[in-house]
């Protein structure tokens, strides 16, 4: 009798778990949970680097960064992504520009 009850409980648990899994899989993804800053994959493209030399143009570097992020679909001017953008850009500064 106890074994029969345990088997019934296991069956009910499995059934409930499967129902929950089915409900979760059938539920649409909420728009707020879909990352709006998903970066598309582009082969052969790299972020421009800035060395901070006298002969380099910072404006050209920013224009290249803007072109790169726009091509990848990353909203790099979005204030909510400020920290992420800064972290990405800091990695492109080399030599004198990094100091």
N, C-alpha and C. Protein backbone atom coordinates (compact mmCIF):
# COMPACT_ATOMS: atom_id res chain seq x y z
N UNK A 1 0.81 -1.19 0.00
CA UNK A 1 0.00 0.00 0.00
C UNK A 1 0.87 1.27 0.00
N UNK A 2 1.89 1.29 0.83
CA UNK A 2 2.78 2.45 0.89
C UNK A 2 3.53 2.60 -0.43
N UNK A 3 3.96 1.48 -1.01
CA UNK A 3 4.64 1.52 -2.29
C UNK A 3 3.73 2.08 -3.40
N UNK A 4 2.49 1.67 -3.35
CA UNK A 4 1.51 2.14 -4.33
C UNK A 4 1.33 3.66 -4.20
N UNK A 5 1.27 4.18 -2.97
CA UNK A 5 1.13 5.62 -2.73
C UNK A 5 2.37 6.37 -3.23
N UNK A 6 3.55 5.81 -2.99
CA UNK A 6 4.78 6.44 -3.45
C UNK A 6 4.82 6.50 -4.98
N UNK A 7 4.39 5.44 -5.60
CA UNK A 7 4.35 5.41 -7.07
C UNK A 7 3.38 6.44 -7.61
N UNK A 8 2.24 6.59 -6.96
CA UNK A 8 1.25 7.58 -7.38
C UNK A 8 1.80 9.01 -7.21
N UNK A 9 2.50 9.23 -6.11
CA UNK A 9 3.09 10.55 -5.86
C UNK A 9 4.17 10.86 -6.90
N UNK A 10 4.99 9.88 -7.23
CA UNK A 10 6.02 10.07 -8.25
C UNK A 10 5.38 10.40 -9.60
N UNK A 11 4.32 9.67 -9.92
CA UNK A 11 3.62 9.90 -11.18
C UNK A 11 3.03 11.32 -11.22
N UNK A 12 2.42 11.73 -10.12
CA UNK A 12 1.85 13.08 -10.06
C UNK A 12 2.92 14.15 -10.19
N UNK A 13 4.06 13.94 -9.54
CA UNK A 13 5.15 14.90 -9.63
C UNK A 13 5.68 15.00 -11.06
N UNK A 14 5.88 13.84 -11.69
CA UNK A 14 6.36 13.84 -13.08
C UNK A 14 5.36 14.53 -14.00
N UNK A 15 4.09 14.28 -13.77
CA UNK A 15 3.04 14.90 -14.59
C UNK A 15 3.04 16.41 -14.39
N UNK A 16 3.14 16.86 -13.16
CA UNK A 16 3.17 18.29 -12.88
C UNK A 16 4.41 18.95 -13.47
N UNK A 17 5.55 18.27 -13.35
CA UNK A 17 6.78 18.81 -13.92
C UNK A 17 6.67 18.95 -15.44
N UNK A 18 6.13 17.92 -16.07
CA UNK A 18 5.98 17.97 -17.52
C UNK A 18 5.01 19.07 -17.94
N UNK A 19 3.95 19.24 -17.19
CA UNK A 19 3.00 20.32 -17.49
C UNK A 19 3.66 21.68 -17.36
N UNK A 20 4.46 21.84 -16.32
CA UNK A 20 5.17 23.10 -16.12
C UNK A 20 6.16 23.36 -17.26
N UNK A 21 6.89 22.34 -17.65
CA UNK A 21 7.83 22.47 -18.76
C UNK A 21 7.08 22.86 -20.04
N UNK A 22 5.98 22.19 -20.30
CA UNK A 22 5.18 22.50 -21.50
C UNK A 22 4.68 23.94 -21.48
N UNK A 23 4.22 24.40 -20.31
CA UNK A 23 3.73 25.77 -20.20
C UNK A 23 4.85 26.79 -20.42
N UNK A 24 6.02 26.50 -19.85
CA UNK A 24 7.14 27.43 -20.00
C UNK A 24 7.63 27.48 -21.44
N UNK A 25 7.65 26.35 -22.11
CA UNK A 25 8.09 26.33 -23.50
C UNK A 25 7.08 26.99 -24.43
N UNK A 26 5.82 26.92 -24.10
CA UNK A 26 4.78 27.50 -24.95
C UNK A 26 4.63 29.00 -24.73
N UNK A 27 5.11 29.50 -23.62
CA UNK A 27 4.96 30.91 -23.28
C UNK A 27 5.86 31.77 -24.17
N UNK A 28 5.32 32.83 -24.76
CA UNK A 28 6.15 33.70 -25.61
C UNK A 28 7.14 34.49 -24.76
N UNK A 29 8.23 34.83 -25.36
CA UNK A 29 9.24 35.62 -24.67
C UNK A 29 8.75 37.06 -24.59
N UNK A 30 8.80 37.61 -23.41
CA UNK A 30 8.37 39.00 -23.21
C UNK A 30 9.35 39.93 -23.91
N UNK A 31 8.86 40.99 -24.54
CA UNK A 31 9.75 41.92 -25.24
C UNK A 31 10.83 42.52 -24.34
N UNK A 32 10.51 42.73 -23.06
CA UNK A 32 11.50 43.31 -22.15
C UNK A 32 12.65 42.36 -21.90
N UNK A 33 12.44 41.06 -22.09
CA UNK A 33 13.49 40.09 -21.84
C UNK A 33 14.37 39.85 -23.06
N UNK A 34 13.94 40.31 -24.21
CA UNK A 34 14.73 40.17 -25.42
C UNK A 34 15.75 41.30 -25.43
N UNK A 35 17.04 40.97 -25.45
CA UNK A 35 18.03 42.04 -25.39
C UNK A 35 17.96 42.92 -26.63
N UNK A 36 17.79 44.24 -26.43
CA UNK A 36 17.69 45.15 -27.55
C UNK A 36 19.05 45.54 -28.08
N UNK A 37 20.09 45.15 -27.35
CA UNK A 37 21.43 45.51 -27.78
C UNK A 37 22.21 44.30 -28.27
N UNK A 38 21.50 43.32 -28.79
CA UNK A 38 22.16 42.14 -29.31
C UNK A 38 23.10 42.54 -30.44
N UNK A 39 24.30 42.08 -30.36
CA UNK A 39 25.28 42.43 -31.37
C UNK A 39 25.29 41.35 -32.43
N UNK A 40 25.07 41.75 -33.69
CA UNK A 40 25.13 40.81 -34.79
C UNK A 40 26.58 40.42 -35.06
N UNK A 41 26.75 39.21 -35.54
CA UNK A 41 28.09 38.72 -35.86
C UNK A 41 28.49 39.21 -37.25
N UNK A 42 29.61 39.86 -37.36
CA UNK A 42 30.15 40.28 -38.65
C UNK A 42 31.54 39.67 -38.77
N UNK A 43 31.75 38.94 -39.81
CA UNK A 43 33.06 38.33 -40.01
C UNK A 43 34.05 39.34 -40.56
N UNK A 44 35.24 39.31 -40.03
CA UNK A 44 36.31 40.16 -40.56
C UNK A 44 36.28 41.60 -40.11
N UNK A 45 35.44 41.95 -39.16
CA UNK A 45 35.41 43.34 -38.69
C UNK A 45 35.98 43.41 -37.28
N UNK A 46 36.73 44.46 -37.03
CA UNK A 46 37.30 44.68 -35.72
C UNK A 46 37.04 46.11 -35.31
N UNK A 47 36.98 46.32 -34.02
CA UNK A 47 36.87 47.68 -33.52
C UNK A 47 38.14 48.43 -33.87
N UNK A 48 38.03 49.70 -34.24
CA UNK A 48 39.24 50.47 -34.51
C UNK A 48 40.00 50.71 -33.21
N UNK A 49 41.28 50.88 -33.32
CA UNK A 49 42.10 51.20 -32.14
C UNK A 49 42.57 52.64 -32.24
N UNK A 50 42.82 53.20 -31.09
CA UNK A 50 43.31 54.58 -31.02
C UNK A 50 44.56 54.56 -30.17
N UNK A 51 45.67 55.05 -30.76
CA UNK A 51 46.95 55.02 -30.07
C UNK A 51 47.26 56.32 -29.33
N UNK A 52 46.58 57.39 -29.68
CA UNK A 52 46.80 58.66 -29.00
C UNK A 52 47.97 59.44 -29.56
N UNK A 53 48.41 59.07 -30.74
CA UNK A 53 49.53 59.78 -31.36
C UNK A 53 49.11 61.14 -31.92
N UNK A 54 50.12 61.99 -32.18
CA UNK A 54 49.85 63.33 -32.69
C UNK A 54 49.23 63.27 -34.08
N UNK A 55 49.65 62.29 -34.87
CA UNK A 55 49.17 62.21 -36.25
C UNK A 55 47.79 61.56 -36.37
N UNK A 56 47.25 61.07 -35.26
CA UNK A 56 45.94 60.41 -35.29
C UNK A 56 44.82 61.41 -35.01
N UNK A 57 43.70 61.14 -35.62
CA UNK A 57 42.52 61.98 -35.42
C UNK A 57 41.53 61.26 -34.51
N UNK A 58 41.21 61.90 -33.38
CA UNK A 58 40.24 61.31 -32.47
C UNK A 58 38.84 61.31 -33.09
N UNK A 59 38.55 62.34 -33.87
CA UNK A 59 37.25 62.41 -34.54
C UNK A 59 37.07 61.26 -35.52
N UNK A 60 38.16 60.91 -36.24
CA UNK A 60 38.11 59.78 -37.16
C UNK A 60 37.89 58.48 -36.39
N UNK A 61 38.56 58.35 -35.25
CA UNK A 61 38.37 57.16 -34.41
C UNK A 61 36.91 57.03 -33.97
N UNK A 62 36.30 58.12 -33.50
CA UNK A 62 34.90 58.09 -33.06
C UNK A 62 33.98 57.77 -34.23
N UNK A 63 34.27 58.32 -35.41
CA UNK A 63 33.45 58.02 -36.59
C UNK A 63 33.54 56.53 -36.95
N UNK A 64 34.75 55.96 -36.83
CA UNK A 64 34.93 54.53 -37.12
C UNK A 64 34.22 53.67 -36.08
N UNK A 65 34.26 54.09 -34.82
CA UNK A 65 33.55 53.37 -33.76
C UNK A 65 32.05 53.41 -34.03
N UNK A 66 31.54 54.58 -34.38
CA UNK A 66 30.10 54.72 -34.68
C UNK A 66 29.71 53.82 -35.85
N UNK A 67 30.52 53.81 -36.89
CA UNK A 67 30.23 52.98 -38.06
C UNK A 67 30.26 51.50 -37.69
N UNK A 68 31.21 51.10 -36.86
CA UNK A 68 31.33 49.70 -36.43
C UNK A 68 30.10 49.27 -35.64
N UNK A 69 29.73 50.07 -34.63
CA UNK A 69 28.58 49.69 -33.79
C UNK A 69 27.27 49.75 -34.57
N UNK A 70 27.13 50.73 -35.46
CA UNK A 70 25.91 50.81 -36.26
C UNK A 70 25.78 49.59 -37.17
N UNK A 71 26.89 49.15 -37.74
CA UNK A 71 26.87 47.97 -38.61
C UNK A 71 26.50 46.71 -37.84
N UNK A 72 26.89 46.67 -36.57
CA UNK A 72 26.58 45.51 -35.74
C UNK A 72 25.23 45.61 -35.06
N UNK A 73 24.58 46.74 -35.16
CA UNK A 73 23.26 46.90 -34.56
C UNK A 73 23.29 47.12 -33.05
N UNK A 74 24.37 47.68 -32.55
CA UNK A 74 24.52 47.93 -31.11
C UNK A 74 24.23 49.40 -30.83
N UNK A 75 23.27 49.65 -29.96
CA UNK A 75 22.86 51.03 -29.63
C UNK A 75 23.87 51.62 -28.64
N UNK A 76 25.04 51.95 -29.13
CA UNK A 76 26.13 52.35 -28.26
C UNK A 76 25.95 53.73 -27.64
N UNK A 77 25.05 54.53 -28.16
CA UNK A 77 24.78 55.85 -27.57
C UNK A 77 23.66 55.81 -26.53
N UNK A 78 23.09 54.65 -26.32
CA UNK A 78 22.01 54.48 -25.35
C UNK A 78 22.56 54.66 -23.93
N UNK A 79 22.00 55.59 -23.15
CA UNK A 79 22.52 55.83 -21.79
C UNK A 79 22.46 54.60 -20.88
N UNK A 80 21.53 53.71 -21.12
CA UNK A 80 21.46 52.52 -20.27
C UNK A 80 22.60 51.55 -20.54
N UNK A 81 23.28 51.71 -21.67
CA UNK A 81 24.39 50.83 -22.04
C UNK A 81 25.75 51.52 -21.86
N UNK A 82 25.74 52.62 -21.12
CA UNK A 82 26.94 53.44 -20.96
C UNK A 82 28.12 52.63 -20.44
N UNK A 83 27.92 51.89 -19.36
CA UNK A 83 29.02 51.13 -18.77
C UNK A 83 29.58 50.08 -19.73
N UNK A 84 28.68 49.40 -20.42
CA UNK A 84 29.12 48.38 -21.36
C UNK A 84 29.91 49.01 -22.51
N UNK A 85 29.42 50.13 -23.01
CA UNK A 85 30.10 50.81 -24.12
C UNK A 85 31.49 51.27 -23.69
N UNK A 86 31.58 51.85 -22.52
CA UNK A 86 32.89 52.30 -22.01
C UNK A 86 33.84 51.12 -21.86
N UNK A 87 33.35 50.02 -21.32
CA UNK A 87 34.20 48.84 -21.16
C UNK A 87 34.71 48.33 -22.50
N UNK A 88 33.87 48.37 -23.51
CA UNK A 88 34.29 47.93 -24.84
C UNK A 88 35.32 48.88 -25.41
N UNK A 89 35.06 50.19 -25.31
CA UNK A 89 35.95 51.18 -25.91
C UNK A 89 37.30 51.26 -25.21
N UNK A 90 37.34 51.04 -23.91
CA UNK A 90 38.61 51.10 -23.18
C UNK A 90 39.57 50.05 -23.73
N UNK A 91 39.04 48.92 -24.16
CA UNK A 91 39.90 47.88 -24.72
C UNK A 91 40.51 48.24 -26.05
N UNK A 92 40.01 49.29 -26.71
CA UNK A 92 40.56 49.69 -28.00
C UNK A 92 41.62 50.78 -27.88
N UNK A 93 41.80 51.32 -26.70
CA UNK A 93 42.81 52.35 -26.49
C UNK A 93 44.16 51.70 -26.24
N UNK A 94 45.15 52.12 -26.96
CA UNK A 94 46.50 51.53 -26.86
C UNK A 94 47.53 52.62 -26.59
N UNK A 95 48.67 52.23 -26.09
CA UNK A 95 49.84 53.08 -25.86
C UNK A 95 49.48 54.36 -25.09
N UNK A 96 49.76 55.51 -25.67
CA UNK A 96 49.55 56.79 -24.98
C UNK A 96 48.07 57.04 -24.67
N UNK A 97 47.18 56.57 -25.53
CA UNK A 97 45.76 56.80 -25.31
C UNK A 97 45.24 56.01 -24.11
N UNK A 98 45.91 54.94 -23.76
CA UNK A 98 45.46 54.10 -22.66
C UNK A 98 45.93 54.62 -21.30
N UNK A 99 46.82 55.58 -21.30
CA UNK A 99 47.38 56.05 -20.03
C UNK A 99 46.55 57.13 -19.41
